[in-house]
Amino acid sequence: MREPGLNLRPFVSVIMPCRNEEKHIGRCLDSILANDYPKECIEILVIDGQSTDRTREIVERHASRSGHIRLIDNRAIVQTYATNFGLKAAKGEYIIRMDAHAEYPSDYIRTCVDWLEREQVDVVGGVCETKPGGTSTVARAISMVLSSPFGVGNSYFRTGITGPRLVDTVPFGCYRREIFDRVGLFDERLDRTDDLEFNLRVRKNGGRLLLVPAISSIYYARPTLWSLAKQNFGNGFWIMYSLKFVRLPFSGRHLVPMLFVLSLLSGVVLSAFTPLLLVLSLLVLVAHAAANFIFSFSLSARQGLQYFPLVFLTFFVLHISYGIGSLAGALKLLLPVRSKGESIGR
């Protein structure tokens, strides 16, 4: 669909699932409305999962000032349903899946569209600058950890790249609409991993995803160690439990935390049979602590050594919570126990 007019720019639908995002959604919507893309060629669909805070009020206030914002109810609450509700309602030739926990520069939409127009790819996305989700020293330490390879592995959109490259996933991607006609919508049985599974289908059908450093966004990290641990437990859980429904493209960074936790637990549990296992587990813990020390000191030396203890602790919390979540997901996958819902880790 091309809007009539001299610019003949493609119509873009922005899809934003959200729930209880009163702290961020106002700034997020302001940043989207400030984009330099022609306003008559944009619609912003906010799909709210029954928020219990002021999220809906903030969205409605923005919608009253701008005819480009529409609020859609997601009574299913689950984010994957919200994305599909948005896709079904979207009119755009191009569709951008945005996160309410982020902000976008004024050229974000235009740059995404330009790269899709210029390159023979199906999805483009950019790098995320991770900023603190609060004003505390802990929040600052968390944002530092989530930009480090020791924290997030080879997640290029977090650690940065020097030039465009084909990847297996992108954040806040811009999609050609026809890709959804070719491969279908997001799998509603999944939570957290629905984007990984969808992007796998894209690539299996000959599609390509391009990560472009000229496309950037600001992502606000969780502000406390508890909220970080809760989020990463859920991420770890779903990376394993999703195997009940689909085959996901694992990378080493997904499995290492679970192996780390398993090595520690097995040493403690089985040490009654052979003390050697406890020694091996302690060696694993010492090796992790040594690597943690090196990366924590390197990060803190650049940002301020007062962050060192918290950065060291945050790396440990990040890896342990993700590993425990992955182990819980694997156990739930293997044990024939049914529950009333699949809401673990949300």
C-alpha atoms as a PDB file:
ATOM      1  CA  MET A   1       0.000   0.000   0.000  1.00  0.00           C
ATOM      2  CA  ARG A   2       1.406   3.360  -1.060  1.00  0.00           C
ATOM      3  CA  GLU A   3      -0.165   6.522   0.249  1.00  0.00           C
ATOM      4  CA  PRO A   4      -1.004   9.035  -2.514  1.00  0.00           C
ATOM      5  CA  GLY A   5       1.154  12.121  -2.597  1.00  0.00           C
ATOM      6  CA  LEU A   6       4.373  13.492  -3.962  1.00  0.00           C
ATOM      7  CA  ASN A   7       6.639  11.538  -1.639  1.00  0.00           C
ATOM      8  CA  LEU A   8       5.079   8.138  -2.493  1.00  0.00           C
ATOM      9  CA  ARG A   9       6.566   6.665   0.635  1.00  0.00           C
ATOM     10  CA  PRO A  10       5.346   3.193   1.688  1.00  0.00           C
ATOM     11  CA  PHE A  11       2.813   3.043   4.481  1.00  0.00           C
ATOM     12  CA  VAL A  12       4.316   1.749   7.742  1.00  0.00           C
ATOM     13  CA  SER A  13       2.499   0.079  10.622  1.00  0.00           C
ATOM     14  CA  VAL A  14       4.193   0.238  14.006  1.00  0.00           C
ATOM     15  CA  ILE A  15       3.072  -2.621  16.271  1.00  0.00           C
ATOM     16  CA  MET A  16       3.726  -2.255  20.008  1.00  0.00           C
ATOM     17  CA  PRO A  17       2.588  -4.962  22.458  1.00  0.00           C
ATOM     18  CA  CYS A  18       2.735  -3.725  26.049  1.00  0.00           C
ATOM     19  CA  ARG A  19       1.580  -4.322  29.601  1.00  0.00           C
ATOM     20  CA  ASN A  20       2.194  -2.106  32.642  1.00  0.00           C
ATOM     21  CA  GLU A  21       4.698   0.209  30.955  1.00  0.00           C
ATOM     22  CA  GLU A  22       3.680   3.520  32.542  1.00  0.00           C
ATOM     23  CA  LYS A  23       7.319   4.405  33.263  1.00  0.00           C
ATOM     24  CA  HIS A  24       8.416   4.192  29.644  1.00  0.00           C
ATOM     25  CA  ILE A  25       5.536   4.263  27.172  1.00  0.00           C
ATOM     26  CA  GLY A  26       5.066   8.028  27.159  1.00  0.00           C
ATOM     27  CA  ARG A  27       8.669   8.706  26.157  1.00  0.00           C
ATOM     28  CA  CYS A  28       8.521   5.819  23.712  1.00  0.00           C
ATOM     29  CA  LEU A  29       5.463   7.189  21.901  1.00  0.00           C
ATOM     30  CA  ASP A  30       6.950  10.697  21.900  1.00  0.00           C
ATOM     31  CA  SER A  31      10.070   9.365  20.195  1.00  0.00           C
ATOM     32  CA  ILE A  32       8.012   7.587  17.510  1.00  0.00           C
ATOM     33  CA  LEU A  33       5.845  10.639  16.859  1.00  0.00           C
ATOM     34  CA  ALA A  34       9.018  12.721  16.542  1.00  0.00           C
ATOM     35  CA  ASN A  35      10.234  10.579  13.651  1.00  0.00           C
ATOM     36  CA  ASP A  36      10.851  12.414  10.389  1.00  0.00           C
ATOM     37  CA  TYR A  37       8.904   9.892   8.311  1.00  0.00           C
ATOM     38  CA  PRO A  38       5.754  11.416   6.700  1.00  0.00           C
ATOM     39  CA  LYS A  39       3.033  11.298   9.342  1.00  0.00           C
ATOM     40  CA  GLU A  40       0.341  10.464   6.798  1.00  0.00           C
ATOM     41  CA  CYS A  41       2.257   7.253   6.054  1.00  0.00           C
ATOM     42  CA  ILE A  42       2.361   5.911   9.623  1.00  0.00           C
ATOM     43  CA  GLU A  43      -0.026   4.167  11.987  1.00  0.00           C
ATOM     44  CA  ILE A  44       0.927   3.207  15.550  1.00  0.00           C
ATOM     45  CA  LEU A  45      -0.953   0.239  17.000  1.00  0.00           C
ATOM     46  CA  VAL A  46      -0.515  -0.171  20.760  1.00  0.00           C
ATOM     47  CA  ILE A  47      -1.796  -3.574  21.869  1.00  0.00           C
ATOM     48  CA  ASP A  48      -2.296  -3.493  25.629  1.00  0.00           C
ATOM     49  CA  GLY A  49      -2.433  -6.664  27.702  1.00  0.00           C
ATOM     50  CA  GLN A  50      -4.888  -5.513  30.379  1.00  0.00           C
ATOM     51  CA  SER A  51      -2.489  -3.112  32.110  1.00  0.00           C
ATOM     52  CA  THR A  52      -3.226  -2.404  35.760  1.00  0.00           C
ATOM     53  CA  ASP A  53      -1.182   0.797  35.955  1.00  0.00           C
ATOM     54  CA  ARG A  54      -1.511   4.090  34.010  1.00  0.00           C
ATOM     55  CA  THR A  55      -0.355   2.661  30.672  1.00  0.00           C
ATOM     56  CA  ARG A  56      -3.765   2.853  28.968  1.00  0.00           C
ATOM     57  CA  GLU A  57      -4.371   6.378  30.274  1.00  0.00           C
ATOM     58  CA  ILE A  58      -1.040   7.538  28.849  1.00  0.00           C
ATOM     59  CA  VAL A  59      -1.686   5.878  25.476  1.00  0.00           C
ATOM     60  CA  GLU A  60      -5.190   7.339  25.273  1.00  0.00           C
ATOM     61  CA  ARG A  61      -3.840  10.807  26.068  1.00  0.00           C
ATOM     62  CA  HIS A  62      -1.305  10.524  23.259  1.00  0.00           C
ATOM     63  CA  ALA A  63      -3.973   9.148  20.906  1.00  0.00           C
ATOM     64  CA  SER A  64      -6.214  12.143  21.610  1.00  0.00           C
ATOM     65  CA  ARG A  65      -3.425  14.430  20.389  1.00  0.00           C
ATOM     66  CA  SER A  66      -2.446  12.319  17.406  1.00  0.00           C
ATOM     67  CA  GLY A  67      -4.692  10.591  14.920  1.00  0.00           C
ATOM     68  CA  HIS A  68      -1.943   8.083  14.158  1.00  0.00           C
ATOM     69  CA  ILE A  69      -2.203   6.107  17.423  1.00  0.00           C
ATOM     70  CA  ARG A  70      -4.760   3.364  18.017  1.00  0.00           C
ATOM     71  CA  LEU A  71      -5.172   1.377  21.251  1.00  0.00           C
ATOM     72  CA  ILE A  72      -6.118  -2.294  20.835  1.00  0.00           C
ATOM     73  CA  ASP A  73      -7.147  -4.621  23.683  1.00  0.00           C
ATOM     74  CA  ASN A  74      -5.255  -7.858  24.247  1.00  0.00           C
ATOM     75  CA  ARG A  75      -7.512  -9.800  26.577  1.00  0.00           C
ATOM     76  CA  ALA A  76      -5.243 -12.842  26.235  1.00  0.00           C
ATOM     77  CA  ILE A  77      -2.499 -10.773  27.940  1.00  0.00           C
ATOM     78  CA  VAL A  78       0.281 -12.926  26.405  1.00  0.00           C
ATOM     79  CA  GLN A  79       2.641 -10.849  24.248  1.00  0.00           C
ATOM     80  CA  THR A  80       2.607 -13.237  21.279  1.00  0.00           C
ATOM     81  CA  TYR A  81      -1.160 -12.832  20.940  1.00  0.00           C
ATOM     82  CA  ALA A  82      -0.690  -9.063  21.025  1.00  0.00           C
ATOM     83  CA  THR A  83       1.789  -9.173  18.156  1.00  0.00           C
ATOM     84  CA  ASN A  84      -0.604 -11.231  16.044  1.00  0.00           C
ATOM     85  CA  PHE A  85      -3.551  -8.940  16.890  1.00  0.00           C
ATOM     86  CA  GLY A  86      -1.434  -6.068  15.643  1.00  0.00           C
ATOM     87  CA  LEU A  87      -0.417  -7.876  12.459  1.00  0.00           C
ATOM     88  CA  LYS A  88      -4.033  -8.661  11.629  1.00  0.00           C
ATOM     89  CA  ALA A  89      -5.051  -5.027  12.150  1.00  0.00           C
ATOM     90  CA  ALA A  90      -2.047  -3.479  10.384  1.00  0.00           C
ATOM     91  CA  LYS A  91      -2.441  -1.779   7.002  1.00  0.00           C
ATOM     92  CA  GLY A  92       1.218  -1.147   6.284  1.00  0.00           C
ATOM     93  CA  GLU A  93       3.354  -2.322   3.412  1.00  0.00           C
ATOM     94  CA  TYR A  94       6.128  -2.492   5.989  1.00  0.00           C
ATOM     95  CA  ILE A  95       5.619  -3.463   9.623  1.00  0.00           C
ATOM     96  CA  ILE A  96       7.886  -2.514  12.520  1.00  0.00           C
ATOM     97  CA  ARG A  97       7.597  -4.410  15.797  1.00  0.00           C
ATOM     98  CA  MET A  98       8.585  -1.947  18.530  1.00  0.00           C
ATOM     99  CA  ASP A  99       9.037  -2.330  22.274  1.00  0.00           C
ATOM    100  CA  ALA A 100       7.516   0.087  24.790  1.00  0.00           C
ATOM    101  CA  HIS A 101      10.638  -0.329  26.946  1.00  0.00           C
ATOM    102  CA  ALA A 102      12.710   1.554  24.371  1.00  0.00           C
ATOM    103  CA  GLU A 103      13.109   4.881  22.570  1.00  0.00           C
ATOM    104  CA  TYR A 104      13.824   5.473  18.905  1.00  0.00           C
ATOM    105  CA  PRO A 105      15.793   8.229  17.137  1.00  0.00           C
ATOM    106  CA  SER A 106      14.046  10.565  14.709  1.00  0.00           C
ATOM    107  CA  ASP A 107      15.352   8.711  11.656  1.00  0.00           C
ATOM    108  CA  TYR A 108      14.504   5.187  12.848  1.00  0.00           C
ATOM    109  CA  ILE A 109      11.492   4.495  10.615  1.00  0.00           C
ATOM    110  CA  ARG A 110      13.001   6.199   7.569  1.00  0.00           C
ATOM    111  CA  THR A 111      16.303   4.356   7.905  1.00  0.00           C
ATOM    112  CA  CYS A 112      14.561   0.994   8.284  1.00  0.00           C
ATOM    113  CA  VAL A 113      12.443   1.613   5.192  1.00  0.00           C
ATOM    114  CA  ASP A 114      15.421   2.879   3.171  1.00  0.00           C
ATOM    115  CA  TRP A 115      17.428  -0.254   3.912  1.00  0.00           C
ATOM    116  CA  LEU A 116      14.492  -2.545   3.029  1.00  0.00           C
ATOM    117  CA  GLU A 117      13.958  -0.615  -0.196  1.00  0.00           C
ATOM    118  CA  ARG A 118      17.649  -0.828  -1.087  1.00  0.00           C
ATOM    119  CA  GLU A 119      18.580  -4.383  -0.031  1.00  0.00           C
ATOM    120  CA  GLN A 120      17.231  -7.770  -1.079  1.00  0.00           C
ATOM    121  CA  VAL A 121      16.335  -8.784   2.466  1.00  0.00           C
ATOM    122  CA  ASP A 122      13.057  -9.445   4.271  1.00  0.00           C
ATOM    123  CA  VAL A 123      13.805  -8.005   7.718  1.00  0.00           C
ATOM    124  CA  VAL A 124      16.112  -5.243   8.940  1.00  0.00           C
ATOM    125  CA  GLY A 125      16.969  -4.194  12.474  1.00  0.00           C
ATOM    126  CA  GLY A 126      19.634  -2.303  14.336  1.00  0.00           C
ATOM    127  CA  VAL A 127      21.799  -2.161  17.407  1.00  0.00           C
ATOM    128  CA  CYS A 128      20.520  -1.344  20.882  1.00  0.00           C
ATOM    129  CA  GLU A 129      22.216   1.094  23.214  1.00  0.00           C
ATOM    130  CA  THR A 130      21.409  -0.261  26.661  1.00  0.00           C
ATOM    131  CA  LYS A 131      20.782   2.467  29.231  1.00  0.00           C
ATOM    132  CA  PRO A 132      20.035   2.209  32.965  1.00  0.00           C
ATOM    133  CA  GLY A 133      16.413   1.632  33.863  1.00  0.00           C
ATOM    134  CA  GLY A 134      16.824   3.803  36.953  1.00  0.00           C
ATOM    135  CA  THR A 135      19.141   6.282  38.622  1.00  0.00           C
ATOM    136  CA  SER A 136      20.813   3.915  41.093  1.00  0.00           C
ATOM    137  CA  THR A 137      24.329   2.519  40.904  1.00  0.00           C
ATOM    138  CA  VAL A 138      22.797  -0.949  40.564  1.00  0.00           C
ATOM    139  CA  ALA A 139      20.805   0.142  37.507  1.00  0.00           C
ATOM    140  CA  ARG A 140      23.975   1.535  35.953  1.00  0.00           C
ATOM    141  CA  ALA A 141      25.859  -1.706  36.635  1.00  0.00           C
ATOM    142  CA  ILE A 142      23.068  -3.762  35.011  1.00  0.00           C
ATOM    143  CA  SER A 143      23.177  -1.658  31.839  1.00  0.00           C
ATOM    144  CA  MET A 144      26.959  -2.143  31.651  1.00  0.00           C
ATOM    145  CA  VAL A 145      26.658  -5.915  32.009  1.00  0.00           C
ATOM    146  CA  LEU A 146      23.986  -6.190  29.296  1.00  0.00           C
ATOM    147  CA  SER A 147      26.351  -4.561  26.784  1.00  0.00           C
ATOM    148  CA  SER A 148      29.241  -6.915  27.522  1.00  0.00           C
ATOM    149  CA  PRO A 149      30.069 -10.098  25.566  1.00  0.00           C
ATOM    150  CA  PHE A 150      30.602 -11.879  28.906  1.00  0.00           C
ATOM    151  CA  GLY A 151      27.018 -10.973  29.792  1.00  0.00           C
ATOM    152  CA  VAL A 152      25.201 -11.565  26.490  1.00  0.00           C
ATOM    153  CA  GLY A 153      27.627 -13.638  24.399  1.00  0.00           C
ATOM    154  CA  ASN A 154      27.609 -13.094  20.643  1.00  0.00           C
ATOM    155  CA  SER A 155      24.388 -11.084  20.677  1.00  0.00           C
ATOM    156  CA  TYR A 156      25.616  -8.576  18.103  1.00  0.00           C
ATOM    157  CA  PHE A 157      22.727  -6.157  18.423  1.00  0.00           C
ATOM    158  CA  ARG A 158      23.747  -5.604  22.058  1.00  0.00           C
ATOM    159  CA  THR A 159      27.532  -5.623  21.735  1.00  0.00           C
ATOM    160  CA  GLY A 160      27.657  -3.676  18.454  1.00  0.00           C
ATOM    161  CA  ILE A 161      28.938  -4.261  14.911  1.00  0.00           C
ATOM    162  CA  THR A 162      31.063  -2.234  12.501  1.00  0.00           C
ATOM    163  CA  GLY A 163      29.052  -2.901   9.344  1.00  0.00           C
ATOM    164  CA  PRO A 164      25.830  -4.519   8.076  1.00  0.00           C
ATOM    165  CA  ARG A 165      25.695  -8.292   8.471  1.00  0.00           C
ATOM    166  CA  LEU A 166      23.205 -11.118   8.049  1.00  0.00           C
ATOM    167  CA  VAL A 167      22.057 -12.520  11.401  1.00  0.00           C
ATOM    168  CA  ASP A 168      19.588 -14.981  12.903  1.00  0.00           C
ATOM    169  CA  THR A 169      17.529 -12.362  14.768  1.00  0.00           C
ATOM    170  CA  VAL A 170      17.151  -8.591  15.108  1.00  0.00           C
ATOM    171  CA  PRO A 171      15.518  -6.368  17.730  1.00  0.00           C
ATOM    172  CA  PHE A 172      12.588  -4.101  16.860  1.00  0.00           C
ATOM    173  CA  GLY A 173      12.641  -5.397  13.297  1.00  0.00           C
ATOM    174  CA  CYS A 174      11.094  -3.875  10.197  1.00  0.00           C
ATOM    175  CA  TYR A 175       9.400  -6.571   8.079  1.00  0.00           C
ATOM    176  CA  ARG A 176       8.100  -6.685   4.546  1.00  0.00           C
ATOM    177  CA  ARG A 177       4.413  -7.473   4.864  1.00  0.00           C
ATOM    178  CA  GLU A 178       4.547 -10.320   2.368  1.00  0.00           C
ATOM    179  CA  ILE A 179       6.827 -12.311   4.672  1.00  0.00           C
ATOM    180  CA  PHE A 180       3.822 -12.986   6.927  1.00  0.00           C
ATOM    181  CA  ASP A 181       1.865 -14.277   3.940  1.00  0.00           C
ATOM    182  CA  ARG A 182       4.746 -16.661   3.159  1.00  0.00           C
ATOM    183  CA  VAL A 183       5.553 -18.037   6.617  1.00  0.00           C
ATOM    184  CA  GLY A 184       2.502 -17.213   8.760  1.00  0.00           C
ATOM    185  CA  LEU A 185       2.160 -15.308  12.034  1.00  0.00           C
ATOM    186  CA  PHE A 186       3.974 -15.728  15.349  1.00  0.00           C
ATOM    187  CA  ASP A 187       3.468 -19.027  17.176  1.00  0.00           C
ATOM    188  CA  GLU A 188       1.034 -18.329  20.025  1.00  0.00           C
ATOM    189  CA  ARG A 189       2.171 -21.368  21.994  1.00  0.00           C
ATOM    190  CA  LEU A 190       5.445 -19.591  22.737  1.00  0.00           C
ATOM    191  CA  ASP A 191       6.443 -16.816  25.087  1.00  0.00           C
ATOM    192  CA  ARG A 192       9.756 -14.894  24.935  1.00  0.00           C
ATOM    193  CA  THR A 193      11.030 -17.113  22.098  1.00  0.00           C
ATOM    194  CA  ASP A 194       8.355 -16.352  19.519  1.00  0.00           C
ATOM    195  CA  ASP A 195      10.670 -13.993  17.627  1.00  0.00           C
ATOM    196  CA  LEU A 196      13.464 -16.585  17.451  1.00  0.00           C
ATOM    197  CA  GLU A 197      11.075 -19.190  16.088  1.00  0.00           C
ATOM    198  CA  PHE A 198       9.521 -16.785  13.584  1.00  0.00           C
ATOM    199  CA  ASN A 199      12.913 -15.649  12.304  1.00  0.00           C
ATOM    200  CA  LEU A 200      13.934 -19.300  11.925  1.00  0.00           C
ATOM    201  CA  ARG A 201      10.888 -19.849   9.696  1.00  0.00           C
ATOM    202  CA  VAL A 202      11.829 -16.781   7.678  1.00  0.00           C
ATOM    203  CA  ARG A 203      15.314 -18.147   7.024  1.00  0.00           C
ATOM    204  CA  LYS A 204      14.018 -21.657   6.292  1.00  0.00           C
ATOM    205  CA  ASN A 205      11.830 -20.113   3.593  1.00  0.00           C
ATOM    206  CA  GLY A 206      14.770 -18.361   1.974  1.00  0.00           C
ATOM    207  CA  GLY A 207      14.389 -15.052   3.804  1.00  0.00           C
ATOM    208  CA  ARG A 208      17.253 -12.956   5.119  1.00  0.00           C
ATOM    209  CA  LEU A 209      17.617 -10.735   8.183  1.00  0.00           C
ATOM    210  CA  LEU A 210      20.030  -7.814   8.107  1.00  0.00           C
ATOM    211  CA  LEU A 211      21.491  -6.094  11.160  1.00  0.00           C
ATOM    212  CA  VAL A 212      22.496  -2.525  10.331  1.00  0.00           C
ATOM    213  CA  PRO A 213      24.593  -0.340  12.677  1.00  0.00           C
ATOM    214  CA  ALA A 214      23.080   2.809  11.133  1.00  0.00           C
ATOM    215  CA  ILE A 215      19.758   1.729  12.665  1.00  0.00           C
ATOM    216  CA  SER A 216      19.845   2.230  16.421  1.00  0.00           C
ATOM    217  CA  SER A 217      17.551   2.427  19.415  1.00  0.00           C
ATOM    218  CA  ILE A 218      17.785   2.969  23.157  1.00  0.00           C
ATOM    219  CA  TYR A 219      16.739   0.088  25.401  1.00  0.00           C
ATOM    220  CA  TYR A 220      16.168   0.599  29.130  1.00  0.00           C
ATOM    221  CA  ALA A 221      17.441  -2.311  31.204  1.00  0.00           C
ATOM    222  CA  ARG A 222      15.710  -3.634  34.291  1.00  0.00           C
ATOM    223  CA  PRO A 223      16.536  -1.350  37.260  1.00  0.00           C
ATOM    224  CA  THR A 224      17.074  -3.920  40.045  1.00  0.00           C
ATOM    225  CA  LEU A 225      18.840  -7.247  40.441  1.00  0.00           C
ATOM    226  CA  TRP A 226      15.532  -8.907  41.348  1.00  0.00           C
ATOM    227  CA  SER A 227      13.773  -7.679  38.208  1.00  0.00           C
ATOM    228  CA  LEU A 228      16.804  -8.684  36.111  1.00  0.00           C
ATOM    229  CA  ALA A 229      16.834 -12.165  37.675  1.00  0.00           C
ATOM    230  CA  LYS A 230      13.081 -12.584  37.127  1.00  0.00           C
ATOM    231  CA  GLN A 231      13.338 -11.527  33.491  1.00  0.00           C
ATOM    232  CA  ASN A 232      16.290 -13.806  32.775  1.00  0.00           C
ATOM    233  CA  PHE A 233      14.729 -16.760  34.573  1.00  0.00           C
ATOM    234  CA  GLY A 234      11.813 -16.406  32.150  1.00  0.00           C
ATOM    235  CA  ASN A 235      14.131 -16.071  29.157  1.00  0.00           C
ATOM    236  CA  GLY A 236      16.061 -19.167  30.187  1.00  0.00           C
ATOM    237  CA  PHE A 237      12.884 -21.128  30.912  1.00  0.00           C
ATOM    238  CA  TRP A 238      11.355 -20.473  27.512  1.00  0.00           C
ATOM    239  CA  ILE A 239      14.519 -21.110  25.524  1.00  0.00           C
ATOM    240  CA  MET A 240      14.274 -24.726  26.734  1.00  0.00           C
ATOM    241  CA  TYR A 241      10.540 -25.271  27.220  1.00  0.00           C
ATOM    242  CA  SER A 242       9.797 -24.021  23.708  1.00  0.00           C
ATOM    243  CA  LEU A 243      11.292 -27.294  22.452  1.00  0.00           C
ATOM    244  CA  LYS A 244       7.991 -28.898  23.427  1.00  0.00           C
ATOM    245  CA  PHE A 245       6.399 -27.095  20.493  1.00  0.00           C
ATOM    246  CA  VAL A 246       9.088 -26.140  17.981  1.00  0.00           C
ATOM    247  CA  ARG A 247      12.765 -26.577  17.232  1.00  0.00           C
ATOM    248  CA  LEU A 248      14.666 -23.401  18.037  1.00  0.00           C
ATOM    249  CA  PRO A 249      18.059 -22.342  16.666  1.00  0.00           C
ATOM    250  CA  PHE A 250      20.315 -22.654  19.706  1.00  0.00           C
ATOM    251  CA  SER A 251      23.622 -20.895  19.990  1.00  0.00           C
ATOM    252  CA  GLY A 252      26.265 -21.474  22.637  1.00  0.00           C
ATOM    253  CA  ARG A 253      25.154 -18.442  24.610  1.00  0.00           C
ATOM    254  CA  HIS A 254      21.751 -20.059  25.236  1.00  0.00           C
ATOM    255  CA  LEU A 255      23.121 -23.262  26.759  1.00  0.00           C
ATOM    256  CA  VAL A 256      26.243 -22.189  28.663  1.00  0.00           C
ATOM    257  CA  PRO A 257      24.385 -20.791  31.740  1.00  0.00           C
ATOM    258  CA  MET A 258      22.432 -24.048  32.188  1.00  0.00           C
ATOM    259  CA  LEU A 259      25.609 -26.115  31.925  1.00  0.00           C
ATOM    260  CA  PHE A 260      27.214 -23.818  34.498  1.00  0.00           C
ATOM    261  CA  VAL A 261      24.346 -24.318  36.953  1.00  0.00           C
ATOM    262  CA  LEU A 262      24.250 -28.070  36.283  1.00  0.00           C
ATOM    263  CA  SER A 263      27.954 -28.403  37.003  1.00  0.00           C
ATOM    264  CA  LEU A 264      27.527 -26.658  40.362  1.00  0.00           C
ATOM    265  CA  LEU A 265      24.430 -28.606  41.379  1.00  0.00           C
ATOM    266  CA  SER A 266      25.752 -32.006  40.293  1.00  0.00           C
ATOM    267  CA  GLY A 267      28.946 -31.504  42.276  1.00  0.00           C
ATOM    268  CA  VAL A 268      27.018 -30.726  45.458  1.00  0.00           C
ATOM    269  CA  VAL A 269      24.421 -33.495  45.029  1.00  0.00           C
ATOM    270  CA  LEU A 270      26.808 -36.245  43.923  1.00  0.00           C
ATOM    271  CA  SER A 271      29.704 -35.361  46.198  1.00  0.00           C
ATOM    272  CA  ALA A 272      28.412 -37.966  48.657  1.00  0.00           C
ATOM    273  CA  PHE A 273      29.413 -40.653  46.151  1.00  0.00           C
ATOM    274  CA  THR A 274      32.739 -39.129  45.126  1.00  0.00           C
ATOM    275  CA  PRO A 275      34.330 -35.970  46.555  1.00  0.00           C
ATOM    276  CA  LEU A 276      36.081 -35.460  43.224  1.00  0.00           C
ATOM    277  CA  LEU A 277      32.849 -34.097  41.724  1.00  0.00           C
ATOM    278  CA  LEU A 278      32.665 -31.422  44.394  1.00  0.00           C
ATOM    279  CA  VAL A 279      36.246 -30.444  43.600  1.00  0.00           C
ATOM    280  CA  LEU A 280      35.405 -30.207  39.895  1.00  0.00           C
ATOM    281  CA  SER A 281      32.373 -28.037  40.666  1.00  0.00           C
ATOM    282  CA  LEU A 282      34.516 -25.742  42.781  1.00  0.00           C
ATOM    283  CA  LEU A 283      36.996 -25.467  39.903  1.00  0.00           C
ATOM    284  CA  VAL A 284      34.147 -24.462  37.571  1.00  0.00           C
ATOM    285  CA  LEU A 285      33.019 -21.845  40.081  1.00  0.00           C
ATOM    286  CA  VAL A 286      36.579 -20.527  40.446  1.00  0.00           C
ATOM    287  CA  ALA A 287      36.980 -20.358  36.647  1.00  0.00           C
ATOM    288  CA  HIS A 288      33.738 -18.386  36.344  1.00  0.00           C
ATOM    289  CA  ALA A 289      34.800 -16.077  39.159  1.00  0.00           C
ATOM    290  CA  ALA A 290      38.170 -15.470  37.483  1.00  0.00           C
ATOM    291  CA  ALA A 291      36.581 -14.618  34.133  1.00  0.00           C
ATOM    292  CA  ASN A 292      33.994 -12.519  35.955  1.00  0.00           C
ATOM    293  CA  PHE A 293      36.758 -10.628  37.764  1.00  0.00           C
ATOM    294  CA  ILE A 294      38.576  -9.839  34.499  1.00  0.00           C
ATOM    295  CA  PHE A 295      35.495  -8.583  32.649  1.00  0.00           C
ATOM    296  CA  SER A 296      34.134  -6.725  35.692  1.00  0.00           C
ATOM    297  CA  PHE A 297      37.445  -4.964  36.263  1.00  0.00           C
ATOM    298  CA  SER A 298      37.741  -4.065  32.563  1.00  0.00           C
ATOM    299  CA  LEU A 299      34.228  -2.579  32.484  1.00  0.00           C
ATOM    300  CA  SER A 300      34.667  -0.757  35.790  1.00  0.00           C
ATOM    301  CA  ALA A 301      38.055   0.671  34.795  1.00  0.00           C
ATOM    302  CA  ARG A 302      36.312   2.497  31.930  1.00  0.00           C
ATOM    303  CA  GLN A 303      33.202   3.575  33.826  1.00  0.00           C
ATOM    304  CA  GLY A 304      34.467   3.923  37.387  1.00  0.00           C
ATOM    305  CA  LEU A 305      35.897   1.374  39.798  1.00  0.00           C
ATOM    306  CA  GLN A 306      33.064   2.048  42.255  1.00  0.00           C
ATOM    307  CA  TYR A 307      30.943  -0.144  39.956  1.00  0.00           C
ATOM    308  CA  PHE A 308      33.243  -3.175  40.245  1.00  0.00           C
ATOM    309  CA  PRO A 309      31.500  -5.060  43.120  1.00  0.00           C
ATOM    310  CA  LEU A 310      28.042  -4.552  41.604  1.00  0.00           C
ATOM    311  CA  VAL A 311      29.147  -5.468  38.084  1.00  0.00           C
ATOM    312  CA  PHE A 312      30.756  -8.648  39.446  1.00  0.00           C
ATOM    313  CA  LEU A 313      27.542  -9.529  41.309  1.00  0.00           C
ATOM    314  CA  THR A 314      25.344  -8.670  38.322  1.00  0.00           C
ATOM    315  CA  PHE A 315      27.238 -10.999  35.972  1.00  0.00           C
ATOM    316  CA  PHE A 316      26.749 -13.797  38.494  1.00  0.00           C
ATOM    317  CA  VAL A 317      23.025 -13.068  38.933  1.00  0.00           C
ATOM    318  CA  LEU A 318      22.532 -12.866  35.164  1.00  0.00           C
ATOM    319  CA  HIS A 319      24.167 -16.225  34.476  1.00  0.00           C
ATOM    320  CA  ILE A 320      22.687 -18.071  37.452  1.00  0.00           C
ATOM    321  CA  SER A 321      19.104 -16.866  36.905  1.00  0.00           C
ATOM    322  CA  TYR A 322      19.193 -17.709  33.186  1.00  0.00           C
ATOM    323  CA  GLY A 323      20.757 -21.096  33.927  1.00  0.00           C
ATOM    324  CA  ILE A 324      18.201 -21.969  36.620  1.00  0.00           C
ATOM    325  CA  GLY A 325      15.417 -20.882  34.282  1.00  0.00           C
ATOM    326  CA  SER A 326      16.795 -23.089  31.495  1.00  0.00           C
ATOM    327  CA  LEU A 327      17.086 -26.028  33.885  1.00  0.00           C
ATOM    328  CA  ALA A 328      13.489 -25.486  35.056  1.00  0.00           C
ATOM    329  CA  GLY A 329      12.348 -25.372  31.430  1.00  0.00           C
ATOM    330  CA  ALA A 330      14.211 -28.590  30.632  1.00  0.00           C
ATOM    331  CA  LEU A 331      12.739 -30.358  33.663  1.00  0.00           C
ATOM    332  CA  LYS A 332       9.218 -29.232  32.794  1.00  0.00           C
ATOM    333  CA  LEU A 333       9.826 -30.455  29.260  1.00  0.00           C
ATOM    334  CA  LEU A 334      10.938 -33.888  30.465  1.00  0.00           C
ATOM    335  CA  LEU A 335       8.510 -34.434  33.342  1.00  0.00           C
ATOM    336  CA  PRO A 336       4.884 -35.345  32.439  1.00  0.00           C
ATOM    337  CA  VAL A 337       3.359 -32.654  34.655  1.00  0.00           C
ATOM    338  CA  ARG A 338       0.539 -30.528  33.302  1.00  0.00           C
ATOM    339  CA  SER A 339      -0.389 -27.076  34.621  1.00  0.00           C
ATOM    340  CA  LYS A 340      -3.337 -24.780  34.057  1.00  0.00           C
ATOM    341  CA  GLY A 341      -1.308 -22.430  31.892  1.00  0.00           C
ATOM    342  CA  GLU A 342       2.079 -21.782  30.409  1.00  0.00           C
ATOM    343  CA  SER A 343       2.758 -18.481  32.138  1.00  0.00           C
ATOM    344  CA  ILE A 344       6.028 -19.348  33.910  1.00  0.00           C
ATOM    345  CA  GLY A 345       8.600 -16.617  33.800  1.00  0.00           C
ATOM    346  CA  ARG A 346       6.401 -13.752  32.575  1.00  0.00           C
END
